[in-house]
């Protein structure tokens, strides 16, 4: 993967140069989250504190039900904490309303899901351009050029006009990564991105993540596979909603 993956526009580049070096890219302070059920409240996060620096590759591991996905959902603004603070590039993410969080996430975070979440009725290139359209980034011509470039970087430019059902699961995950990079976010968060892939394809996906870390992207990868986690700069284990160590 070449360094041309990161296609900053001038304003984003200036913003990062002015503050990213001094401020952690992602900060989680004293996060608590419970789920309300007829049987009572079930605590999922219990005072989580975590910081990720620019270009850092962090793996989050833990058993099923430990709180990994909840932490990712709160960190990305998909869910809201009951208590605590989330800062993204120094901005108090937790104080934004749902619509503001969606736009801020679109510009600053790329999210990769275990089940790809590609829209099945549109082409791969349209799937990649959608985040740019949602956040009103780039001109229409630039969106198409950027999407093609990102698909090229993940080895799928020749399939750009196919629909997701016409490519393999591993290829769909590559498209999901290209889509997550559409707006050149500083943070890439992936929740079990290799969970549905064979070992060879999983290794190739992890190679892509490693390349992105070398380009200065901050990576938070949730995985149950310790052999994959060991490729990260830092491994964090979550146990019963609490961070066990690093």
C-alpha atoms as a PDB file:
ATOM      1  CA  UNK A   1       0.000   0.000   0.000  1.00  0.00           C
ATOM      2  CA  UNK A   2       1.498   3.309  -1.025  1.00  0.00           C
ATOM      3  CA  UNK A   3       1.486   6.517   0.894  1.00  0.00           C
ATOM      4  CA  UNK A   4      -0.989   7.978  -1.577  1.00  0.00           C
ATOM      5  CA  UNK A   5      -3.759   6.224   0.385  1.00  0.00           C
ATOM      6  CA  UNK A   6      -3.905   9.301   2.625  1.00  0.00           C
ATOM      7  CA  UNK A   7      -5.409  12.056   0.486  1.00  0.00           C
ATOM      8  CA  UNK A   8      -5.721  14.975   2.920  1.00  0.00           C
ATOM      9  CA  UNK A   9      -7.442  18.128   1.895  1.00  0.00           C
ATOM     10  CA  UNK A  10      -5.676  21.318   2.950  1.00  0.00           C
ATOM     11  CA  UNK A  11      -7.902  22.190   5.909  1.00  0.00           C
ATOM     12  CA  UNK A  12      -7.764  18.738   7.496  1.00  0.00           C
ATOM     13  CA  UNK A  13      -3.982  18.683   7.097  1.00  0.00           C
ATOM     14  CA  UNK A  14      -3.625  22.079   8.791  1.00  0.00           C
ATOM     15  CA  UNK A  15      -5.919  21.013  11.653  1.00  0.00           C
ATOM     16  CA  UNK A  16      -3.892  17.884  12.315  1.00  0.00           C
ATOM     17  CA  UNK A  17      -0.539  19.617  12.136  1.00  0.00           C
ATOM     18  CA  UNK A  18      -1.666  22.290  14.597  1.00  0.00           C
ATOM     19  CA  UNK A  19      -2.909  19.993  17.344  1.00  0.00           C
ATOM     20  CA  UNK A  20      -2.492  16.285  16.713  1.00  0.00           C
ATOM     21  CA  UNK A  21       1.101  16.116  17.934  1.00  0.00           C
ATOM     22  CA  UNK A  22       0.174  17.475  21.383  1.00  0.00           C
ATOM     23  CA  UNK A  23      -3.285  15.949  21.869  1.00  0.00           C
ATOM     24  CA  UNK A  24      -4.166  12.238  21.950  1.00  0.00           C
ATOM     25  CA  UNK A  25      -6.270  11.332  18.930  1.00  0.00           C
ATOM     26  CA  UNK A  26      -8.788   9.393  21.044  1.00  0.00           C
ATOM     27  CA  UNK A  27      -9.383   9.828  24.770  1.00  0.00           C
ATOM     28  CA  UNK A  28     -11.864   7.885  26.908  1.00  0.00           C
ATOM     29  CA  UNK A  29     -12.348   9.177  30.450  1.00  0.00           C
ATOM     30  CA  UNK A  30     -14.187   7.277  33.201  1.00  0.00           C
ATOM     31  CA  UNK A  31     -16.742   5.672  30.868  1.00  0.00           C
ATOM     32  CA  UNK A  32     -19.729   3.840  32.317  1.00  0.00           C
ATOM     33  CA  UNK A  33     -22.478   2.137  30.338  1.00  0.00           C
ATOM     34  CA  UNK A  34     -25.304  -0.149  31.450  1.00  0.00           C
ATOM     35  CA  UNK A  35     -28.080  -1.847  29.518  1.00  0.00           C
ATOM     36  CA  UNK A  36     -31.559  -1.702  30.995  1.00  0.00           C
ATOM     37  CA  UNK A  37     -33.490  -4.983  30.998  1.00  0.00           C
ATOM     38  CA  UNK A  38     -36.650  -6.251  32.734  1.00  0.00           C
ATOM     39  CA  UNK A  39     -34.350  -8.178  35.057  1.00  0.00           C
ATOM     40  CA  UNK A  40     -32.445  -5.028  35.987  1.00  0.00           C
ATOM     41  CA  UNK A  41     -29.467  -3.012  34.787  1.00  0.00           C
ATOM     42  CA  UNK A  42     -26.569  -4.937  33.281  1.00  0.00           C
ATOM     43  CA  UNK A  43     -23.272  -3.005  33.495  1.00  0.00           C
ATOM     44  CA  UNK A  44     -21.192  -3.196  30.318  1.00  0.00           C
ATOM     45  CA  UNK A  45     -18.485  -0.589  30.976  1.00  0.00           C
ATOM     46  CA  UNK A  46     -17.173   0.230  34.454  1.00  0.00           C
ATOM     47  CA  UNK A  47     -14.914   3.272  34.489  1.00  0.00           C
ATOM     48  CA  UNK A  48     -12.959   2.814  31.268  1.00  0.00           C
ATOM     49  CA  UNK A  49      -9.943   5.088  30.766  1.00  0.00           C
ATOM     50  CA  UNK A  50      -7.927   4.856  27.548  1.00  0.00           C
ATOM     51  CA  UNK A  51      -5.820   7.092  25.287  1.00  0.00           C
ATOM     52  CA  UNK A  52      -4.624   6.462  21.745  1.00  0.00           C
ATOM     53  CA  UNK A  53      -1.868   8.501  20.137  1.00  0.00           C
ATOM     54  CA  UNK A  54      -1.405   9.403  16.494  1.00  0.00           C
ATOM     55  CA  UNK A  55      -0.234   6.416  14.453  1.00  0.00           C
ATOM     56  CA  UNK A  56      -0.707   3.978  17.347  1.00  0.00           C
ATOM     57  CA  UNK A  57      -2.043   0.488  16.594  1.00  0.00           C
ATOM     58  CA  UNK A  58      -4.019  -0.819  19.591  1.00  0.00           C
ATOM     59  CA  UNK A  59      -5.715  -4.211  19.799  1.00  0.00           C
ATOM     60  CA  UNK A  60      -8.632  -4.693  22.195  1.00  0.00           C
ATOM     61  CA  UNK A  61      -9.183  -8.275  23.309  1.00  0.00           C
ATOM     62  CA  UNK A  62     -11.609  -9.968  25.678  1.00  0.00           C
ATOM     63  CA  UNK A  63     -14.130 -12.753  25.961  1.00  0.00           C
ATOM     64  CA  UNK A  64     -17.626 -12.541  24.513  1.00  0.00           C
ATOM     65  CA  UNK A  65     -19.710 -10.232  26.693  1.00  0.00           C
ATOM     66  CA  UNK A  66     -16.670  -8.516  28.208  1.00  0.00           C
ATOM     67  CA  UNK A  67     -17.665  -5.125  26.796  1.00  0.00           C
ATOM     68  CA  UNK A  68     -15.526  -4.854  23.657  1.00  0.00           C
ATOM     69  CA  UNK A  69     -18.289  -3.927  21.229  1.00  0.00           C
ATOM     70  CA  UNK A  70     -19.902  -1.583  23.749  1.00  0.00           C
ATOM     71  CA  UNK A  71     -16.612   0.242  24.160  1.00  0.00           C
ATOM     72  CA  UNK A  72     -16.268   0.585  20.382  1.00  0.00           C
ATOM     73  CA  UNK A  73     -19.848   1.808  20.020  1.00  0.00           C
ATOM     74  CA  UNK A  74     -19.344   4.444  22.712  1.00  0.00           C
ATOM     75  CA  UNK A  75     -15.919   5.487  21.385  1.00  0.00           C
ATOM     76  CA  UNK A  76     -17.337   5.982  17.885  1.00  0.00           C
ATOM     77  CA  UNK A  77     -20.516   7.744  19.012  1.00  0.00           C
ATOM     78  CA  UNK A  78     -22.810   4.986  17.790  1.00  0.00           C
ATOM     79  CA  UNK A  79     -23.925   4.685  21.418  1.00  0.00           C
ATOM     80  CA  UNK A  80     -23.776   7.196  24.262  1.00  0.00           C
ATOM     81  CA  UNK A  81     -22.191   6.590  27.682  1.00  0.00           C
ATOM     82  CA  UNK A  82     -24.231   6.838  30.855  1.00  0.00           C
ATOM     83  CA  UNK A  83     -21.276   8.657  32.383  1.00  0.00           C
ATOM     84  CA  UNK A  84     -17.847   9.765  31.208  1.00  0.00           C
ATOM     85  CA  UNK A  85     -16.175  11.672  28.396  1.00  0.00           C
ATOM     86  CA  UNK A  86     -15.004  10.899  24.865  1.00  0.00           C
ATOM     87  CA  UNK A  87     -12.600  13.255  23.087  1.00  0.00           C
ATOM     88  CA  UNK A  88     -11.738  12.849  19.404  1.00  0.00           C
ATOM     89  CA  UNK A  89      -8.861  15.032  18.218  1.00  0.00           C
ATOM     90  CA  UNK A  90      -9.439  17.146  21.310  1.00  0.00           C
ATOM     91  CA  UNK A  91     -13.143  17.716  20.639  1.00  0.00           C
ATOM     92  CA  UNK A  92     -15.673  16.683  23.337  1.00  0.00           C
ATOM     93  CA  UNK A  93     -17.448  14.063  21.246  1.00  0.00           C
ATOM     94  CA  UNK A  94     -19.805  13.113  24.099  1.00  0.00           C
ATOM     95  CA  UNK A  95     -21.383  16.606  24.135  1.00  0.00           C
ATOM     96  CA  UNK A  96     -22.604  16.407  20.527  1.00  0.00           C
ATOM     97  CA  UNK A  97     -26.159  15.391  19.667  1.00  0.00           C
ATOM     98  CA  UNK A  98     -26.806  12.333  17.519  1.00  0.00           C
ATOM     99  CA  UNK A  99     -26.772  14.169  14.180  1.00  0.00           C
ATOM    100  CA  UNK A 100     -23.604  16.084  15.095  1.00  0.00           C
ATOM    101  CA  UNK A 101     -21.893  12.871  16.206  1.00  0.00           C
ATOM    102  CA  UNK A 102     -22.783  11.173  12.923  1.00  0.00           C
ATOM    103  CA  UNK A 103     -21.204  13.969  10.877  1.00  0.00           C
ATOM    104  CA  UNK A 104     -18.168  14.284  13.153  1.00  0.00           C
ATOM    105  CA  UNK A 105     -17.666  10.521  13.051  1.00  0.00           C
ATOM    106  CA  UNK A 106     -17.925  10.598   9.262  1.00  0.00           C
ATOM    107  CA  UNK A 107     -15.115  13.123   9.030  1.00  0.00           C
ATOM    108  CA  UNK A 108     -12.815  11.859  11.781  1.00  0.00           C
ATOM    109  CA  UNK A 109     -13.403   8.135  12.192  1.00  0.00           C
ATOM    110  CA  UNK A 110     -13.505   5.189   9.844  1.00  0.00           C
ATOM    111  CA  UNK A 111     -15.475   2.232  11.193  1.00  0.00           C
ATOM    112  CA  UNK A 112     -15.089  -1.326   9.887  1.00  0.00           C
ATOM    113  CA  UNK A 113     -17.635  -3.929  10.977  1.00  0.00           C
ATOM    114  CA  UNK A 114     -17.344  -7.710  11.211  1.00  0.00           C
ATOM    115  CA  UNK A 115     -20.192  -8.237   8.740  1.00  0.00           C
ATOM    116  CA  UNK A 116     -18.949  -5.612   6.247  1.00  0.00           C
ATOM    117  CA  UNK A 117     -22.250  -3.606   6.169  1.00  0.00           C
ATOM    118  CA  UNK A 118     -21.940  -2.842   2.466  1.00  0.00           C
ATOM    119  CA  UNK A 119     -25.128  -1.760   0.720  1.00  0.00           C
ATOM    120  CA  UNK A 120     -26.001  -4.712  -1.537  1.00  0.00           C
ATOM    121  CA  UNK A 121     -27.991  -2.820  -4.182  1.00  0.00           C
ATOM    122  CA  UNK A 122     -25.214  -0.464  -5.303  1.00  0.00           C
ATOM    123  CA  UNK A 123     -21.752  -0.916  -6.782  1.00  0.00           C
ATOM    124  CA  UNK A 124     -18.534  -1.085  -4.799  1.00  0.00           C
ATOM    125  CA  UNK A 125     -17.477   2.356  -5.990  1.00  0.00           C
ATOM    126  CA  UNK A 126     -20.799   3.823  -4.865  1.00  0.00           C
ATOM    127  CA  UNK A 127     -20.380   2.183  -1.462  1.00  0.00           C
ATOM    128  CA  UNK A 128     -17.018   3.945  -1.124  1.00  0.00           C
ATOM    129  CA  UNK A 129     -18.271   7.353  -2.298  1.00  0.00           C
ATOM    130  CA  UNK A 130     -21.258   7.387   0.078  1.00  0.00           C
ATOM    131  CA  UNK A 131     -19.367   8.695   3.155  1.00  0.00           C
ATOM    132  CA  UNK A 132     -17.983  11.551   1.046  1.00  0.00           C
ATOM    133  CA  UNK A 133     -21.484  12.439  -0.117  1.00  0.00           C
ATOM    134  CA  UNK A 134     -22.874  12.252   3.431  1.00  0.00           C
ATOM    135  CA  UNK A 135     -20.214  14.637   4.747  1.00  0.00           C
ATOM    136  CA  UNK A 136     -20.187  16.798   1.593  1.00  0.00           C
ATOM    137  CA  UNK A 137     -16.457  16.222   1.085  1.00  0.00           C
ATOM    138  CA  UNK A 138     -14.780  16.775  -2.306  1.00  0.00           C
ATOM    139  CA  UNK A 139     -16.411  17.475  -5.656  1.00  0.00           C
ATOM    140  CA  UNK A 140     -18.297  14.731  -7.480  1.00  0.00           C
ATOM    141  CA  UNK A 141     -15.349  14.143  -9.802  1.00  0.00           C
ATOM    142  CA  UNK A 142     -12.927  14.013  -6.870  1.00  0.00           C
ATOM    143  CA  UNK A 143     -15.172  11.538  -5.041  1.00  0.00           C
ATOM    144  CA  UNK A 144     -15.118   9.150  -7.968  1.00  0.00           C
ATOM    145  CA  UNK A 145     -11.366   9.525  -8.420  1.00  0.00           C
ATOM    146  CA  UNK A 146     -10.730   9.013  -4.720  1.00  0.00           C
ATOM    147  CA  UNK A 147     -12.990   5.968  -4.515  1.00  0.00           C
ATOM    148  CA  UNK A 148     -11.238   4.364  -7.478  1.00  0.00           C
ATOM    149  CA  UNK A 149      -7.872   5.135  -5.935  1.00  0.00           C
ATOM    150  CA  UNK A 150      -8.850   3.576  -2.598  1.00  0.00           C
ATOM    151  CA  UNK A 151     -10.226   0.493  -4.326  1.00  0.00           C
ATOM    152  CA  UNK A 152      -6.951   0.252  -6.206  1.00  0.00           C
ATOM    153  CA  UNK A 153      -5.034   0.407  -2.936  1.00  0.00           C
ATOM    154  CA  UNK A 154      -6.994  -2.571  -1.577  1.00  0.00           C
ATOM    155  CA  UNK A 155      -6.597  -4.460  -4.855  1.00  0.00           C
ATOM    156  CA  UNK A 156     -10.167  -4.156  -6.145  1.00  0.00           C
ATOM    157  CA  UNK A 157     -10.177  -1.392  -8.757  1.00  0.00           C
ATOM    158  CA  UNK A 158     -11.033  -3.931 -11.452  1.00  0.00           C
ATOM    159  CA  UNK A 159     -14.211  -4.824  -9.543  1.00  0.00           C
ATOM    160  CA  UNK A 160     -15.336  -1.230  -8.892  1.00  0.00           C
ATOM    161  CA  UNK A 161     -18.650  -1.536 -10.736  1.00  0.00           C
ATOM    162  CA  UNK A 162     -19.647  -4.906  -9.330  1.00  0.00           C
ATOM    163  CA  UNK A 163     -22.139  -5.285  -6.502  1.00  0.00           C
ATOM    164  CA  UNK A 164     -21.027  -6.783  -3.167  1.00  0.00           C
ATOM    165  CA  UNK A 165     -22.707 -10.157  -3.785  1.00  0.00           C
ATOM    166  CA  UNK A 166     -20.406 -10.727  -6.762  1.00  0.00           C
ATOM    167  CA  UNK A 167     -17.168 -10.707  -4.746  1.00  0.00           C
ATOM    168  CA  UNK A 168     -15.839 -12.838  -1.872  1.00  0.00           C
ATOM    169  CA  UNK A 169     -16.113 -12.086   1.842  1.00  0.00           C
ATOM    170  CA  UNK A 170     -12.460 -11.121   2.055  1.00  0.00           C
ATOM    171  CA  UNK A 171     -12.882  -8.765  -0.881  1.00  0.00           C
ATOM    172  CA  UNK A 172     -15.981  -7.242   0.746  1.00  0.00           C
ATOM    173  CA  UNK A 173     -13.949  -6.535   3.867  1.00  0.00           C
ATOM    174  CA  UNK A 174     -11.332  -4.795   1.731  1.00  0.00           C
ATOM    175  CA  UNK A 175     -14.085  -2.626   0.257  1.00  0.00           C
ATOM    176  CA  UNK A 176     -15.298  -1.874   3.788  1.00  0.00           C
ATOM    177  CA  UNK A 177     -11.790  -0.685   4.662  1.00  0.00           C
ATOM    178  CA  UNK A 178     -11.683   1.497   1.536  1.00  0.00           C
ATOM    179  CA  UNK A 179     -15.053   2.954   2.513  1.00  0.00           C
ATOM    180  CA  UNK A 180     -13.821   3.628   6.056  1.00  0.00           C
ATOM    181  CA  UNK A 181     -10.920   5.623   4.565  1.00  0.00           C
ATOM    182  CA  UNK A 182     -13.151   7.646   2.226  1.00  0.00           C
ATOM    183  CA  UNK A 183     -12.945  10.918   4.171  1.00  0.00           C
ATOM    184  CA  UNK A 184      -9.319  10.373   5.250  1.00  0.00           C
ATOM    185  CA  UNK A 185     -10.147   9.962   8.964  1.00  0.00           C
ATOM    186  CA  UNK A 186      -7.394  10.122  11.553  1.00  0.00           C
ATOM    187  CA  UNK A 187      -8.811   7.097  13.406  1.00  0.00           C
ATOM    188  CA  UNK A 188      -9.786   3.693  12.073  1.00  0.00           C
ATOM    189  CA  UNK A 189     -11.854   1.479  14.384  1.00  0.00           C
ATOM    190  CA  UNK A 190     -12.561  -2.140  13.442  1.00  0.00           C
ATOM    191  CA  UNK A 191     -14.801  -4.532  15.382  1.00  0.00           C
ATOM    192  CA  UNK A 192     -13.707  -8.144  14.726  1.00  0.00           C
ATOM    193  CA  UNK A 193     -12.750  -7.305  11.121  1.00  0.00           C
ATOM    194  CA  UNK A 194     -11.331 -10.799  10.487  1.00  0.00           C
ATOM    195  CA  UNK A 195     -13.955 -12.768  12.407  1.00  0.00           C
ATOM    196  CA  UNK A 196     -15.629 -14.162   9.268  1.00  0.00           C
ATOM    197  CA  UNK A 197     -12.476 -14.680   7.205  1.00  0.00           C
ATOM    198  CA  UNK A 198     -10.133 -17.612   6.700  1.00  0.00           C
ATOM    199  CA  UNK A 199      -6.661 -17.348   8.212  1.00  0.00           C
ATOM    200  CA  UNK A 200      -4.899 -16.369   4.978  1.00  0.00           C
ATOM    201  CA  UNK A 201      -7.390 -13.627   4.140  1.00  0.00           C
ATOM    202  CA  UNK A 202      -7.328 -12.441   7.765  1.00  0.00           C
ATOM    203  CA  UNK A 203      -3.548 -12.083   7.567  1.00  0.00           C
ATOM    204  CA  UNK A 204      -3.885 -10.027   4.377  1.00  0.00           C
ATOM    205  CA  UNK A 205      -6.433  -7.736   6.059  1.00  0.00           C
ATOM    206  CA  UNK A 206      -4.092  -7.282   9.015  1.00  0.00           C
ATOM    207  CA  UNK A 207      -1.304  -6.396   6.575  1.00  0.00           C
ATOM    208  CA  UNK A 208      -3.540  -3.601   5.291  1.00  0.00           C
ATOM    209  CA  UNK A 209      -4.085  -2.320   8.828  1.00  0.00           C
ATOM    210  CA  UNK A 210      -0.354  -2.432   9.532  1.00  0.00           C
ATOM    211  CA  UNK A 211       0.317  -0.399   6.391  1.00  0.00           C
ATOM    212  CA  UNK A 212      -2.236   2.194   7.491  1.00  0.00           C
ATOM    213  CA  UNK A 213      -0.552   2.476  10.875  1.00  0.00           C
ATOM    214  CA  UNK A 214       2.734   3.168   9.086  1.00  0.00           C
ATOM    215  CA  UNK A 215       1.001   6.035   7.296  1.00  0.00           C
ATOM    216  CA  UNK A 216       0.039   7.674  10.601  1.00  0.00           C
ATOM    217  CA  UNK A 217      -3.498   6.357  11.037  1.00  0.00           C
ATOM    218  CA  UNK A 218      -4.540   5.571  14.598  1.00  0.00           C
ATOM    219  CA  UNK A 219      -5.989   2.053  14.752  1.00  0.00           C
ATOM    220  CA  UNK A 220      -8.235   0.452  17.363  1.00  0.00           C
ATOM    221  CA  UNK A 221      -8.902  -3.169  16.401  1.00  0.00           C
ATOM    222  CA  UNK A 222     -11.223  -5.448  18.378  1.00  0.00           C
ATOM    223  CA  UNK A 223     -10.312  -9.115  18.039  1.00  0.00           C
ATOM    224  CA  UNK A 224     -10.667 -12.416  19.868  1.00  0.00           C
ATOM    225  CA  UNK A 225      -7.598 -13.777  18.060  1.00  0.00           C
ATOM    226  CA  UNK A 226      -4.473 -13.209  20.155  1.00  0.00           C
ATOM    227  CA  UNK A 227      -2.181 -14.092  17.253  1.00  0.00           C
ATOM    228  CA  UNK A 228      -3.654 -11.145  15.346  1.00  0.00           C
ATOM    229  CA  UNK A 229      -3.603  -8.882  18.398  1.00  0.00           C
ATOM    230  CA  UNK A 230       0.144  -9.450  18.801  1.00  0.00           C
ATOM    231  CA  UNK A 231       0.710  -7.524  15.572  1.00  0.00           C
ATOM    232  CA  UNK A 232      -0.455  -4.359  17.337  1.00  0.00           C
ATOM    233  CA  UNK A 233       1.766  -1.865  19.164  1.00  0.00           C
ATOM    234  CA  UNK A 234      -0.267  -2.317  22.336  1.00  0.00           C
ATOM    235  CA  UNK A 235      -2.759  -4.933  23.515  1.00  0.00           C
ATOM    236  CA  UNK A 236      -5.576  -3.980  25.896  1.00  0.00           C
ATOM    237  CA  UNK A 237      -7.688  -6.647  27.574  1.00  0.00           C
ATOM    238  CA  UNK A 238     -11.178  -5.882  28.797  1.00  0.00           C
ATOM    239  CA  UNK A 239     -12.683  -8.151  31.474  1.00  0.00           C
ATOM    240  CA  UNK A 240     -16.242  -7.685  32.761  1.00  0.00           C
ATOM    241  CA  UNK A 241     -16.353  -4.084  31.549  1.00  0.00           C
ATOM    242  CA  UNK A 242     -12.984  -3.082  33.002  1.00  0.00           C
ATOM    243  CA  UNK A 243      -9.536  -2.755  31.441  1.00  0.00           C
ATOM    244  CA  UNK A 244      -7.360  -5.520  32.816  1.00  0.00           C
ATOM    245  CA  UNK A 245      -3.961  -4.294  31.608  1.00  0.00           C
ATOM    246  CA  UNK A 246      -1.917  -3.138  28.611  1.00  0.00           C
END
